[in-house]
Amino acid sequence: MDNIRKSPARGGRDAVVHGCRAPLPIATRLADGETATSRASRAAQNNGYASLQALCSDQRIGFLNLCNGFDAEVAHIADLTGIEFDTLRFNTPRVDQQGWFRLGAERIKATAFTRSGGQVCPACVLEGRTDDARNGAFQRGRLAGVEPALLSKK
């Protein structure tokens, strides 16, 4: 009976975590080209988890292993969210060998996935400069709780 435990996402009902996994109660549609971490994150939010890490902890999924696209974790997310493993695995970057990832049929150097530093869209920068020559490189966004009318130019 050690493979049975309570799950807050299921309202406290018993859940089998090894072998035949029951899907999460609230379904999440698959977006085109969605990765396992993206799918798991959206499923976590839809099912009442505070974060992807909370879902991983509750479901005994290795978070770093999921981020590195390990088959066992991707399969677990596929089972929980009701999608075919092969589809999810194809869209998920996964460690191929030291310093290399595989994404779909492509082999990519790990440094291509570097997430440090600013991420700027060149088209957005050019658009911003045409709107107002004083704008430089910036990231567009909306301030939480601020009405868009309050942000408009006067």
C-alpha atoms as a PDB file:
ATOM      1  CA  MET A   1       0.000   0.000   0.000  1.00  0.00           C
ATOM      2  CA  ASP A   2       2.972   2.391  -0.107  1.00  0.00           C
ATOM      3  CA  ASN A   3       2.093   3.314  -3.674  1.00  0.00           C
ATOM      4  CA  ILE A   4      -1.148   4.997  -2.499  1.00  0.00           C
ATOM      5  CA  ARG A   5      -1.225   8.474  -0.972  1.00  0.00           C
ATOM      6  CA  LYS A   6      -3.452  11.520  -0.650  1.00  0.00           C
ATOM      7  CA  SER A   7      -3.282  14.192  -3.330  1.00  0.00           C
ATOM      8  CA  PRO A   8      -4.531  17.746  -2.682  1.00  0.00           C
ATOM      9  CA  ALA A   9      -5.211  18.200  -6.392  1.00  0.00           C
ATOM     10  CA  ARG A  10      -7.723  15.368  -6.161  1.00  0.00           C
ATOM     11  CA  GLY A  11      -9.520  16.777  -3.151  1.00  0.00           C
ATOM     12  CA  GLY A  12      -7.895  14.267  -0.812  1.00  0.00           C
ATOM     13  CA  ARG A  13      -9.018  11.157  -2.703  1.00  0.00           C
ATOM     14  CA  ASP A  14      -6.561   8.245  -2.904  1.00  0.00           C
ATOM     15  CA  ALA A  15      -4.296   8.298  -5.939  1.00  0.00           C
ATOM     16  CA  VAL A  16      -2.120   5.560  -7.388  1.00  0.00           C
ATOM     17  CA  VAL A  17       1.310   6.984  -8.177  1.00  0.00           C
ATOM     18  CA  HIS A  18       3.121   3.988  -9.638  1.00  0.00           C
ATOM     19  CA  GLY A  19       1.939   1.741 -12.423  1.00  0.00           C
ATOM     20  CA  CYS A  20      -1.412   2.885 -13.791  1.00  0.00           C
ATOM     21  CA  ARG A  21      -1.543   6.617 -13.107  1.00  0.00           C
ATOM     22  CA  ALA A  22      -4.875   8.402 -13.019  1.00  0.00           C
ATOM     23  CA  PRO A  23      -4.914  11.665 -14.997  1.00  0.00           C
ATOM     24  CA  LEU A  24      -5.315  14.976 -13.203  1.00  0.00           C
ATOM     25  CA  PRO A  25      -9.000  15.799 -12.694  1.00  0.00           C
ATOM     26  CA  ILE A  26      -9.096  19.012 -14.757  1.00  0.00           C
ATOM     27  CA  ALA A  27      -7.950  18.457 -18.330  1.00  0.00           C
ATOM     28  CA  THR A  28      -5.613  20.869 -20.112  1.00  0.00           C
ATOM     29  CA  ARG A  29      -5.592  21.107 -23.908  1.00  0.00           C
ATOM     30  CA  LEU A  30      -2.232  20.592 -25.595  1.00  0.00           C
ATOM     31  CA  ALA A  31      -0.791  23.642 -27.313  1.00  0.00           C
ATOM     32  CA  ASP A  32       1.067  23.142 -30.593  1.00  0.00           C
ATOM     33  CA  GLY A  33       4.700  22.234 -29.966  1.00  0.00           C
ATOM     34  CA  GLU A  34       4.276  22.358 -26.172  1.00  0.00           C
ATOM     35  CA  THR A  35       7.091  21.006 -24.004  1.00  0.00           C
ATOM     36  CA  ALA A  36       6.610  18.719 -21.014  1.00  0.00           C
ATOM     37  CA  THR A  37       7.477  21.508 -18.544  1.00  0.00           C
ATOM     38  CA  SER A  38       5.023  23.913 -20.174  1.00  0.00           C
ATOM     39  CA  ARG A  39       2.272  21.294 -20.197  1.00  0.00           C
ATOM     40  CA  ALA A  40       2.958  20.330 -16.596  1.00  0.00           C
ATOM     41  CA  SER A  41       3.020  23.969 -15.489  1.00  0.00           C
ATOM     42  CA  ARG A  42      -0.344  24.743 -17.105  1.00  0.00           C
ATOM     43  CA  ALA A  43      -1.845  21.504 -15.751  1.00  0.00           C
ATOM     44  CA  ALA A  44      -0.558  22.367 -12.269  1.00  0.00           C
ATOM     45  CA  GLN A  45      -2.186  25.797 -12.402  1.00  0.00           C
ATOM     46  CA  ASN A  46      -5.486  24.394 -13.720  1.00  0.00           C
ATOM     47  CA  ASN A  47      -5.568  21.772 -10.976  1.00  0.00           C
ATOM     48  CA  GLY A  48      -4.947  24.073  -8.025  1.00  0.00           C
ATOM     49  CA  TYR A  49      -1.223  23.682  -7.459  1.00  0.00           C
ATOM     50  CA  ALA A  50       0.744  26.765  -6.436  1.00  0.00           C
ATOM     51  CA  SER A  51       3.560  25.983  -8.882  1.00  0.00           C
ATOM     52  CA  LEU A  52       5.107  23.401 -11.160  1.00  0.00           C
ATOM     53  CA  GLN A  53       7.474  22.486  -8.318  1.00  0.00           C
ATOM     54  CA  ALA A  54       4.460  21.769  -6.061  1.00  0.00           C
ATOM     55  CA  LEU A  55       2.999  19.404  -8.693  1.00  0.00           C
ATOM     56  CA  CYS A  56       6.357  17.671  -9.073  1.00  0.00           C
ATOM     57  CA  SER A  57       6.721  17.274  -5.324  1.00  0.00           C
ATOM     58  CA  ASP A  58       3.176  15.940  -4.910  1.00  0.00           C
ATOM     59  CA  GLN A  59       3.466  13.505  -7.811  1.00  0.00           C
ATOM     60  CA  ARG A  60       7.054  12.420  -7.025  1.00  0.00           C
ATOM     61  CA  ILE A  61       8.449  13.792 -10.284  1.00  0.00           C
ATOM     62  CA  GLY A  62      12.090  14.865 -10.302  1.00  0.00           C
ATOM     63  CA  PHE A  63      11.866  18.570 -11.188  1.00  0.00           C
ATOM     64  CA  LEU A  64      15.412  18.849 -12.606  1.00  0.00           C
ATOM     65  CA  ASN A  65      14.974  15.580 -14.465  1.00  0.00           C
ATOM     66  CA  LEU A  66      11.765  16.967 -16.002  1.00  0.00           C
ATOM     67  CA  CYS A  67      13.610  20.158 -16.993  1.00  0.00           C
ATOM     68  CA  ASN A  68      16.279  17.999 -18.664  1.00  0.00           C
ATOM     69  CA  GLY A  69      13.634  15.967 -20.523  1.00  0.00           C
ATOM     70  CA  PHE A  70      14.304  12.577 -18.930  1.00  0.00           C
ATOM     71  CA  ASP A  71      11.963   9.931 -20.346  1.00  0.00           C
ATOM     72  CA  ALA A  72      10.555   8.756 -16.976  1.00  0.00           C
ATOM     73  CA  GLU A  73       9.460  12.265 -15.992  1.00  0.00           C
ATOM     74  CA  VAL A  74       8.081  13.113 -19.443  1.00  0.00           C
ATOM     75  CA  ALA A  75       6.131   9.819 -19.382  1.00  0.00           C
ATOM     76  CA  HIS A  76       4.753  10.696 -15.937  1.00  0.00           C
ATOM     77  CA  ILE A  77       3.526  14.091 -17.214  1.00  0.00           C
ATOM     78  CA  ALA A  78       2.056  12.393 -20.303  1.00  0.00           C
ATOM     79  CA  ASP A  79       0.115   9.992 -18.048  1.00  0.00           C
ATOM     80  CA  LEU A  80      -1.070  12.761 -15.715  1.00  0.00           C
ATOM     81  CA  THR A  81      -2.243  15.030 -18.515  1.00  0.00           C
ATOM     82  CA  GLY A  82      -3.640  12.388 -20.875  1.00  0.00           C
ATOM     83  CA  ILE A  83      -1.364  12.822 -23.885  1.00  0.00           C
ATOM     84  CA  GLU A  84       0.736  10.389 -25.881  1.00  0.00           C
ATOM     85  CA  PHE A  85       4.302  10.088 -24.616  1.00  0.00           C
ATOM     86  CA  ASP A  86       5.871  10.223 -28.098  1.00  0.00           C
ATOM     87  CA  THR A  87       4.183  13.544 -28.923  1.00  0.00           C
ATOM     88  CA  LEU A  88       5.276  15.164 -25.671  1.00  0.00           C
ATOM     89  CA  ARG A  89       8.792  13.749 -25.872  1.00  0.00           C
ATOM     90  CA  PHE A  90       9.259  15.012 -29.451  1.00  0.00           C
ATOM     91  CA  ASN A  91       8.482  18.600 -28.360  1.00  0.00           C
ATOM     92  CA  THR A  92      10.586  18.515 -25.189  1.00  0.00           C
ATOM     93  CA  PRO A  93      14.303  19.429 -25.158  1.00  0.00           C
ATOM     94  CA  ARG A  94      16.133  16.504 -23.553  1.00  0.00           C
ATOM     95  CA  VAL A  95      19.719  15.775 -22.628  1.00  0.00           C
ATOM     96  CA  ASP A  96      21.287  13.721 -25.405  1.00  0.00           C
ATOM     97  CA  GLN A  97      24.825  13.555 -24.030  1.00  0.00           C
ATOM     98  CA  GLN A  98      27.095  15.855 -22.031  1.00  0.00           C
ATOM     99  CA  GLY A  99      26.653  19.390 -23.385  1.00  0.00           C
ATOM    100  CA  TRP A 100      24.061  18.445 -26.019  1.00  0.00           C
ATOM    101  CA  PHE A 101      20.258  18.371 -26.151  1.00  0.00           C
ATOM    102  CA  ARG A 102      17.877  16.762 -28.584  1.00  0.00           C
ATOM    103  CA  LEU A 103      14.731  18.607 -29.656  1.00  0.00           C
ATOM    104  CA  GLY A 104      12.555  16.701 -32.084  1.00  0.00           C
ATOM    105  CA  ALA A 105      14.992  15.270 -34.616  1.00  0.00           C
ATOM    106  CA  GLU A 106      17.620  17.991 -34.060  1.00  0.00           C
ATOM    107  CA  ARG A 107      20.761  17.815 -31.930  1.00  0.00           C
ATOM    108  CA  ILE A 108      21.471  21.188 -30.290  1.00  0.00           C
ATOM    109  CA  LYS A 109      24.443  22.462 -28.265  1.00  0.00           C
ATOM    110  CA  ALA A 110      23.357  23.143 -24.661  1.00  0.00           C
ATOM    111  CA  THR A 111      24.618  26.738 -24.795  1.00  0.00           C
ATOM    112  CA  ALA A 112      21.820  27.508 -27.277  1.00  0.00           C
ATOM    113  CA  PHE A 113      19.386  27.137 -24.347  1.00  0.00           C
ATOM    114  CA  THR A 114      21.173  29.724 -22.186  1.00  0.00           C
ATOM    115  CA  ARG A 115      18.548  31.809 -20.421  1.00  0.00           C
ATOM    116  CA  SER A 116      20.732  34.445 -18.762  1.00  0.00           C
ATOM    117  CA  GLY A 117      20.778  38.030 -19.951  1.00  0.00           C
ATOM    118  CA  GLY A 118      18.063  40.041 -21.604  1.00  0.00           C
ATOM    119  CA  GLN A 119      15.764  38.526 -24.153  1.00  0.00           C
ATOM    120  CA  VAL A 120      14.825  41.254 -26.622  1.00  0.00           C
ATOM    121  CA  CYS A 121      12.754  40.993 -29.771  1.00  0.00           C
ATOM    122  CA  PRO A 122      14.420  43.066 -32.540  1.00  0.00           C
ATOM    123  CA  ALA A 123      11.058  43.684 -34.258  1.00  0.00           C
ATOM    124  CA  CYS A 124       9.597  45.054 -31.002  1.00  0.00           C
ATOM    125  CA  VAL A 125      12.588  47.371 -30.521  1.00  0.00           C
ATOM    126  CA  LEU A 126      12.184  48.763 -34.049  1.00  0.00           C
ATOM    127  CA  GLU A 127       8.429  49.151 -33.523  1.00  0.00           C
ATOM    128  CA  GLY A 128       9.062  50.949 -30.232  1.00  0.00           C
ATOM    129  CA  ARG A 129      11.517  53.325 -31.885  1.00  0.00           C
ATOM    130  CA  THR A 130       9.013  54.262 -34.566  1.00  0.00           C
ATOM    131  CA  ASP A 131       6.374  54.910 -31.876  1.00  0.00           C
ATOM    132  CA  ASP A 132       8.706  57.092 -29.837  1.00  0.00           C
ATOM    133  CA  ALA A 133      12.330  57.729 -30.762  1.00  0.00           C
ATOM    134  CA  ARG A 134      13.294  57.894 -27.067  1.00  0.00           C
ATOM    135  CA  ASN A 135      12.543  54.191 -26.535  1.00  0.00           C
ATOM    136  CA  GLY A 136      15.500  51.885 -26.600  1.00  0.00           C
ATOM    137  CA  ALA A 137      15.625  48.158 -25.936  1.00  0.00           C
ATOM    138  CA  PHE A 138      12.827  47.335 -23.551  1.00  0.00           C
ATOM    139  CA  GLN A 139      10.497  44.501 -22.746  1.00  0.00           C
ATOM    140  CA  ARG A 140       6.833  45.207 -23.238  1.00  0.00           C
ATOM    141  CA  GLY A 141       4.483  44.163 -20.496  1.00  0.00           C
ATOM    142  CA  ARG A 142       1.553  45.214 -18.409  1.00  0.00           C
ATOM    143  CA  LEU A 143       1.841  46.305 -14.812  1.00  0.00           C
ATOM    144  CA  ALA A 144      -0.358  44.230 -12.520  1.00  0.00           C
ATOM    145  CA  GLY A 145      -3.316  46.180 -11.216  1.00  0.00           C
ATOM    146  CA  VAL A 146      -2.729  49.243 -13.420  1.00  0.00           C
ATOM    147  CA  GLU A 147      -5.400  50.124 -15.958  1.00  0.00           C
ATOM    148  CA  PRO A 148      -4.009  50.441 -19.517  1.00  0.00           C
ATOM    149  CA  ALA A 149      -5.648  53.892 -19.838  1.00  0.00           C
ATOM    150  CA  LEU A 150      -3.435  55.133 -16.975  1.00  0.00           C
ATOM    151  CA  LEU A 151      -0.301  54.125 -18.889  1.00  0.00           C
ATOM    152  CA  SER A 152      -1.176  55.945 -22.110  1.00  0.00           C
ATOM    153  CA  LYS A 153       0.728  59.041 -23.199  1.00  0.00           C
ATOM    154  CA  LYS A 154      -0.718  62.437 -22.368  1.00  0.00           C
END
